[in-house]
Amino acid sequence: MKSKWIGNEIELNSVDEVFQALQKMRLTSSQWVYRGESKEYQNELFPSIDRPPFNQKCDRKTKIAMERQSIELFRSTYKLLATSEESDLLKSDITSLMLMQHYGTPTRLLDWSYSPYIAAYFAVYSDDGKYEQKGNGHDGFIWGFDYDEYLKQSDRQWENHKEMLEKNHMQTYKPAFLENYEGEWFVCQFLYQIQFPRILAQDGLFTFYSQFNVDHAVIIQDMLKDAKYFQRYRIQEEDKMAVRKILREKFNIWHGMIYPDSTGVAVAIKEVLRDNL
């Protein structure tokens, strides 16, 4: 299916260049969304359910069964712990996946943010090799695409998927959870009505594809067509810790802010102690 991602990459070769680029991203005239990754995955953006060890060549029926099992296990296990807001999320499959995604369950979703600074945090929060010899870490990456242009282009796909315009399917995406569904479509959405602290703190939204084993980078590229609408930035491994500390100390962007709950705070303390060593 489709070509490989061939978008432009801007290499950021110092901490100053990183923050100059972030400032430029923030001041862009159109609305972009961003995703940070702490290492490179072969120029690809596959969701976690399609990465190792879940990236076996399974047919759709098998993947749907895997997804259904994970949703039901999460609901049955988490329902006694969930807040009222999280209980609302558990009522539908797509919002259950959003909640599961934020707690680390493999899903078909990819996280994005309206904030390039939050994406930068995810690009630098780990894998910098600081406890080993230089060269053993990984560069970080910020992916971005023009959300305004996405909105212009995305509506065209529904001309070929009339079923999505019926029975409230644009809110539930129900056909995408059927094992025999063959439609191929892509959405990028933020559910403003869901007051889930992690999504709100991260200014977050998600990309979702109706099929499995699909590179979201290629889908975005094919939908937006012109390379000026999608971009990737590389942050050098040796700059990661300095960028991380500046994000925390100057912009208040760190694990404790991005994950505003007890688990997030515990990990945040570990991060600060680690960086201070």
Protein backbone atom coordinates (compact mmCIF):
# COMPACT_ATOMS: atom_id res chain seq x y z
CA MET A 1 0.00 0.00 0.00
CA LYS A 2 1.10 3.50 -0.82
CA SER A 3 4.60 4.95 -0.93
CA LYS A 4 7.03 5.43 1.95
CA TRP A 5 7.10 8.71 3.84
CA ILE A 6 9.37 11.16 1.98
CA GLY A 7 8.78 14.36 3.92
CA ASN A 8 11.42 16.93 4.74
CA GLU A 9 13.54 16.62 7.87
CA ILE A 10 15.12 19.57 9.64
CA GLU A 11 18.15 18.71 11.74
CA LEU A 12 18.46 20.72 14.94
CA ASN A 13 22.13 20.76 15.91
CA SER A 14 22.09 22.60 19.23
CA VAL A 15 19.83 23.36 22.17
CA ASP A 16 19.40 26.91 20.88
CA GLU A 17 18.27 25.61 17.49
CA VAL A 18 15.72 23.37 19.19
CA PHE A 19 14.06 26.25 21.02
CA GLN A 20 14.25 28.55 18.01
CA ALA A 21 12.42 25.89 16.02
CA LEU A 22 9.82 25.41 18.77
CA GLN A 23 9.17 29.14 18.88
CA LYS A 24 8.71 29.18 15.11
CA MET A 25 6.31 26.23 15.29
CA ARG A 26 4.27 27.96 17.99
CA LEU A 27 3.94 31.15 15.95
CA THR A 28 2.93 29.50 12.67
CA SER A 29 -0.07 31.14 11.03
CA SER A 30 -2.00 27.88 10.68
CA GLN A 31 -2.82 25.28 13.33
CA TRP A 32 -0.37 22.36 13.33
CA VAL A 33 -0.32 19.25 15.51
CA TYR A 34 2.85 17.55 16.73
CA ARG A 35 4.10 14.20 17.93
CA GLY A 36 7.36 13.50 19.75
CA GLU A 37 9.26 10.21 19.60
CA SER A 38 12.43 9.51 21.58
CA LYS A 39 13.98 7.42 18.81
CA GLU A 40 13.50 6.64 15.15
CA TYR A 41 11.23 3.87 13.92
CA GLN A 42 12.45 3.61 10.32
CA ASN A 43 10.72 6.82 9.17
CA GLU A 44 7.39 5.28 10.09
CA LEU A 45 4.48 6.09 12.38
CA PHE A 46 2.81 2.83 13.31
CA PRO A 47 0.53 2.69 16.37
CA SER A 48 1.57 0.42 19.22
CA ILE A 49 -0.76 -2.44 18.28
CA ASP A 50 1.13 -2.66 14.97
CA ARG A 51 4.64 -2.56 16.49
CA PRO A 52 6.70 -5.44 17.91
CA PRO A 53 5.68 -7.84 19.35
CA PHE A 54 2.19 -7.20 17.93
CA ASN A 55 3.26 -6.58 14.33
CA GLN A 56 2.88 -10.14 13.12
CA LYS A 57 1.13 -10.54 9.79
CA CYS A 58 -2.27 -11.08 11.36
CA ASP A 59 -5.44 -10.78 9.35
CA ARG A 60 -8.06 -8.23 10.34
CA LYS A 61 -10.21 -10.81 12.13
CA THR A 62 -7.30 -11.67 14.45
CA LYS A 63 -6.44 -8.03 15.15
CA ILE A 64 -10.08 -7.14 15.85
CA ALA A 65 -10.27 -10.07 18.30
CA MET A 66 -7.07 -8.84 19.99
CA GLU A 67 -8.44 -5.31 20.20
CA ARG A 68 -11.82 -6.49 21.51
CA GLN A 69 -10.16 -8.61 24.19
CA SER A 70 -8.00 -5.71 25.35
CA ILE A 71 -10.99 -3.33 25.53
CA GLU A 72 -13.09 -5.76 27.55
CA LEU A 73 -10.22 -6.65 29.88
CA PHE A 74 -9.51 -2.97 30.49
CA ARG A 75 -13.16 -2.15 31.15
CA SER A 76 -13.71 -5.05 33.54
CA THR A 77 -10.47 -4.41 35.44
CA TYR A 78 -10.52 -0.62 35.55
CA LYS A 79 -14.21 0.12 36.13
CA LEU A 80 -13.89 0.04 39.93
CA LEU A 81 -10.96 2.49 39.85
CA ALA A 82 -12.24 4.90 37.24
CA THR A 83 -13.31 8.46 37.98
CA SER A 84 -16.70 9.60 36.71
CA GLU A 85 -15.00 11.19 33.69
CA GLU A 86 -13.11 7.97 32.94
CA SER A 87 -16.31 5.94 33.36
CA ASP A 88 -17.81 8.04 30.58
CA LEU A 89 -14.82 7.19 28.39
CA LEU A 90 -15.37 3.47 28.95
CA LYS A 91 -18.85 3.61 27.40
CA SER A 92 -17.69 3.53 23.77
CA ASP A 93 -14.93 1.66 21.98
CA ILE A 94 -13.13 4.68 20.54
CA THR A 95 -13.05 6.62 23.81
CA SER A 96 -12.04 3.45 25.67
CA LEU A 97 -9.06 3.23 23.33
CA MET A 98 -8.20 6.86 24.10
CA LEU A 99 -8.13 6.10 27.81
CA MET A 100 -6.20 2.86 27.28
CA GLN A 101 -3.67 4.66 25.10
CA HIS A 102 -2.82 7.06 27.92
CA TYR A 103 -2.22 4.17 30.30
CA GLY A 104 0.09 2.30 27.91
CA THR A 105 -2.18 -0.35 26.42
CA PRO A 106 -1.38 -1.23 22.76
CA THR A 107 -4.01 0.45 20.56
CA ARG A 108 -4.67 1.65 17.02
CA LEU A 109 -4.24 5.26 18.14
CA LEU A 110 -1.30 7.63 17.87
CA ASP A 111 -1.00 10.57 20.28
CA TRP A 112 -0.50 14.13 18.98
CA SER A 113 -0.56 17.53 20.64
CA TYR A 114 -1.36 21.08 19.64
CA SER A 115 1.77 22.08 21.58
CA PRO A 116 5.19 21.65 19.93
CA TYR A 117 6.73 21.99 23.40
CA ILE A 118 4.86 18.94 24.69
CA ALA A 119 5.89 17.02 21.57
CA ALA A 120 9.48 18.11 22.26
CA TYR A 121 9.23 16.66 25.76
CA PHE A 122 8.27 13.26 24.37
CA ALA A 123 11.14 13.52 21.88
CA VAL A 124 13.74 14.04 24.62
CA TYR A 125 12.38 12.32 27.73
CA SER A 126 14.43 9.13 27.28
CA ASP A 127 16.97 7.20 25.19
CA ASP A 128 19.66 9.88 25.33
CA GLY A 129 22.44 7.49 26.38
CA LYS A 130 23.59 9.85 29.13
CA TYR A 131 24.66 6.98 31.40
CA GLU A 132 26.67 5.30 28.64
CA GLN A 133 29.26 6.34 26.09
CA LYS A 134 28.23 8.99 23.58
CA GLY A 135 26.68 7.36 20.54
CA ASN A 136 24.76 4.70 22.46
CA GLY A 137 21.65 6.82 22.75
CA HIS A 138 19.10 7.85 20.12
CA ASP A 139 18.20 11.12 18.47
CA GLY A 140 14.69 12.39 19.20
CA PHE A 141 12.09 13.42 16.63
CA ILE A 142 9.19 15.84 16.41
CA TRP A 143 6.65 15.06 13.69
CA GLY A 144 4.17 17.71 12.64
CA PHE A 145 1.43 18.34 10.12
CA ASP A 146 -0.93 21.17 9.26
CA TYR A 147 -4.21 20.39 11.00
CA ASP A 148 -6.09 23.14 9.13
CA GLU A 149 -5.09 21.54 5.82
CA TYR A 150 -6.04 18.11 7.17
CA LEU A 151 -9.55 19.42 7.93
CA LYS A 152 -9.88 20.69 4.37
CA GLN A 153 -8.78 17.41 2.82
CA SER A 154 -10.30 14.86 5.19
CA ASP A 155 -13.96 15.55 4.41
CA ARG A 156 -13.43 14.34 0.84
CA GLN A 157 -12.91 10.76 2.00
CA TRP A 158 -16.50 10.47 3.24
CA GLU A 159 -17.78 10.66 -0.33
CA ASN A 160 -16.61 7.04 -0.65
CA HIS A 161 -17.83 5.97 2.79
CA LYS A 162 -21.50 6.89 3.05
CA GLU A 163 -21.90 4.40 5.90
CA MET A 164 -19.94 6.77 8.12
CA LEU A 165 -22.57 9.49 7.68
CA GLU A 166 -25.33 7.25 9.08
CA LYS A 167 -26.31 6.18 12.61
CA ASN A 168 -23.99 8.57 14.42
CA HIS A 169 -20.95 6.68 13.15
CA MET A 170 -18.85 9.83 12.91
CA GLN A 171 -18.95 10.00 16.72
CA THR A 172 -18.49 6.29 17.48
CA TYR A 173 -16.52 5.02 14.43
CA LYS A 174 -18.46 1.78 14.92
CA PRO A 175 -17.75 0.27 11.45
CA ALA A 176 -14.00 0.33 12.18
CA PHE A 177 -14.56 -2.19 15.00
CA LEU A 178 -16.29 -4.78 12.78
CA GLU A 179 -14.15 -7.72 11.66
CA ASN A 180 -15.43 -7.72 8.07
CA TYR A 181 -15.23 -3.97 7.47
CA GLU A 182 -13.14 -3.03 4.41
CA GLY A 183 -13.47 0.76 4.37
CA GLU A 184 -10.24 2.75 4.62
CA TRP A 185 -10.37 6.19 6.23
CA PHE A 186 -8.30 8.33 8.58
CA VAL A 187 -9.30 10.75 11.32
CA CYS A 188 -7.49 13.11 13.68
CA GLN A 189 -9.71 14.13 16.57
CA PHE A 190 -9.76 15.71 20.01
CA LEU A 191 -12.84 15.05 22.14
CA TYR A 192 -13.37 18.37 23.91
CA GLN A 193 -16.41 17.07 25.77
CA ILE A 194 -14.34 14.45 27.60
CA GLN A 195 -12.69 15.98 30.68
CA PHE A 196 -9.83 13.50 31.04
CA PRO A 197 -6.91 15.18 32.84
CA ARG A 198 -4.10 13.60 30.82
CA ILE A 199 -5.63 14.57 27.48
CA LEU A 200 -6.29 18.11 28.68
CA ALA A 201 -2.81 18.52 30.19
CA GLN A 202 -1.17 17.34 26.99
CA ASP A 203 -3.43 19.43 24.75
CA GLY A 204 -3.86 16.09 23.08
CA LEU A 205 -5.64 14.52 20.16
CA PHE A 206 -5.32 11.25 18.27
CA THR A 207 -4.96 9.85 14.78
CA PHE A 208 -6.95 6.71 14.05
CA TYR A 209 -7.16 4.52 10.94
CA SER A 210 -9.99 2.14 10.17
CA GLN A 211 -7.61 -0.69 9.28
CA PHE A 212 -4.51 -2.18 10.91
CA ASN A 213 -0.83 -2.34 9.94
CA VAL A 214 -0.91 1.11 8.32
CA ASP A 215 1.83 3.74 8.53
CA HIS A 216 0.15 6.99 9.66
CA ALA A 217 3.05 9.03 8.24
CA VAL A 218 2.22 7.76 4.76
CA ILE A 219 -1.51 8.35 5.23
CA ILE A 220 -0.86 11.94 6.31
CA GLN A 221 1.50 12.48 3.39
CA ASP A 222 -0.94 11.06 0.84
CA MET A 223 -3.84 13.09 2.24
CA LEU A 224 -2.02 16.44 2.42
CA LYS A 225 0.04 15.87 -0.75
CA ASP A 226 2.25 18.96 -0.58
CA ALA A 227 5.37 18.49 1.59
CA LYS A 228 4.96 21.99 3.02
CA TYR A 229 2.10 20.62 5.12
CA PHE A 230 4.10 17.94 6.98
CA GLN A 231 7.52 18.03 8.59
CA ARG A 232 9.93 16.22 10.89
CA TYR A 233 12.60 17.65 13.19
CA ARG A 234 15.61 15.78 14.58
CA ILE A 235 17.01 16.56 18.05
CA GLN A 236 20.54 15.30 18.72
CA GLU A 237 20.90 12.71 21.47
CA GLU A 238 23.54 14.76 23.31
CA ASP A 239 21.10 17.71 23.58
CA LYS A 240 18.23 15.74 25.05
CA MET A 241 18.93 16.24 28.75
CA ALA A 242 19.55 19.99 28.38
CA VAL A 243 16.33 20.41 26.37
CA ARG A 244 14.44 18.35 28.93
CA LYS A 245 15.69 20.49 31.83
CA ILE A 246 14.84 23.75 30.05
CA LEU A 247 11.36 22.50 29.22
CA ARG A 248 10.86 21.68 32.88
CA GLU A 249 12.43 24.75 34.48
CA LYS A 250 11.36 27.46 32.01
CA PHE A 251 8.15 26.13 30.47
CA ASN A 252 6.86 23.82 33.25
CA ILE A 253 6.63 20.97 30.78
CA TRP A 254 7.70 17.73 32.43
CA HIS A 255 6.26 14.38 33.42
CA GLY A 256 4.53 15.76 36.50
CA MET A 257 2.59 18.31 34.43
CA ILE A 258 1.86 16.05 31.47
CA TYR A 259 0.58 13.18 33.63
CA PRO A 260 -1.35 14.93 36.46
CA ASP A 261 -2.03 11.89 38.64
CA SER A 262 -0.25 9.80 41.26
CA THR A 263 1.48 7.54 38.74
CA GLY A 264 2.67 10.52 36.74
CA VAL A 265 4.04 12.29 39.81
CA ALA A 266 5.99 9.20 40.88
CA VAL A 267 7.64 8.89 37.47
CA ALA A 268 8.27 12.64 37.41
CA ILE A 269 10.21 12.50 40.67
CA LYS A 270 12.35 9.69 39.27
CA GLU A 271 13.04 11.80 36.15
CA VAL A 272 14.16 14.82 38.16
CA LEU A 273 16.43 12.77 40.41
CA ARG A 274 17.92 11.03 37.39
CA ASP A 275 18.71 14.29 35.63
CA ASN A 276 20.27 15.74 38.78
CA LEU A 277 22.78 12.92 39.11
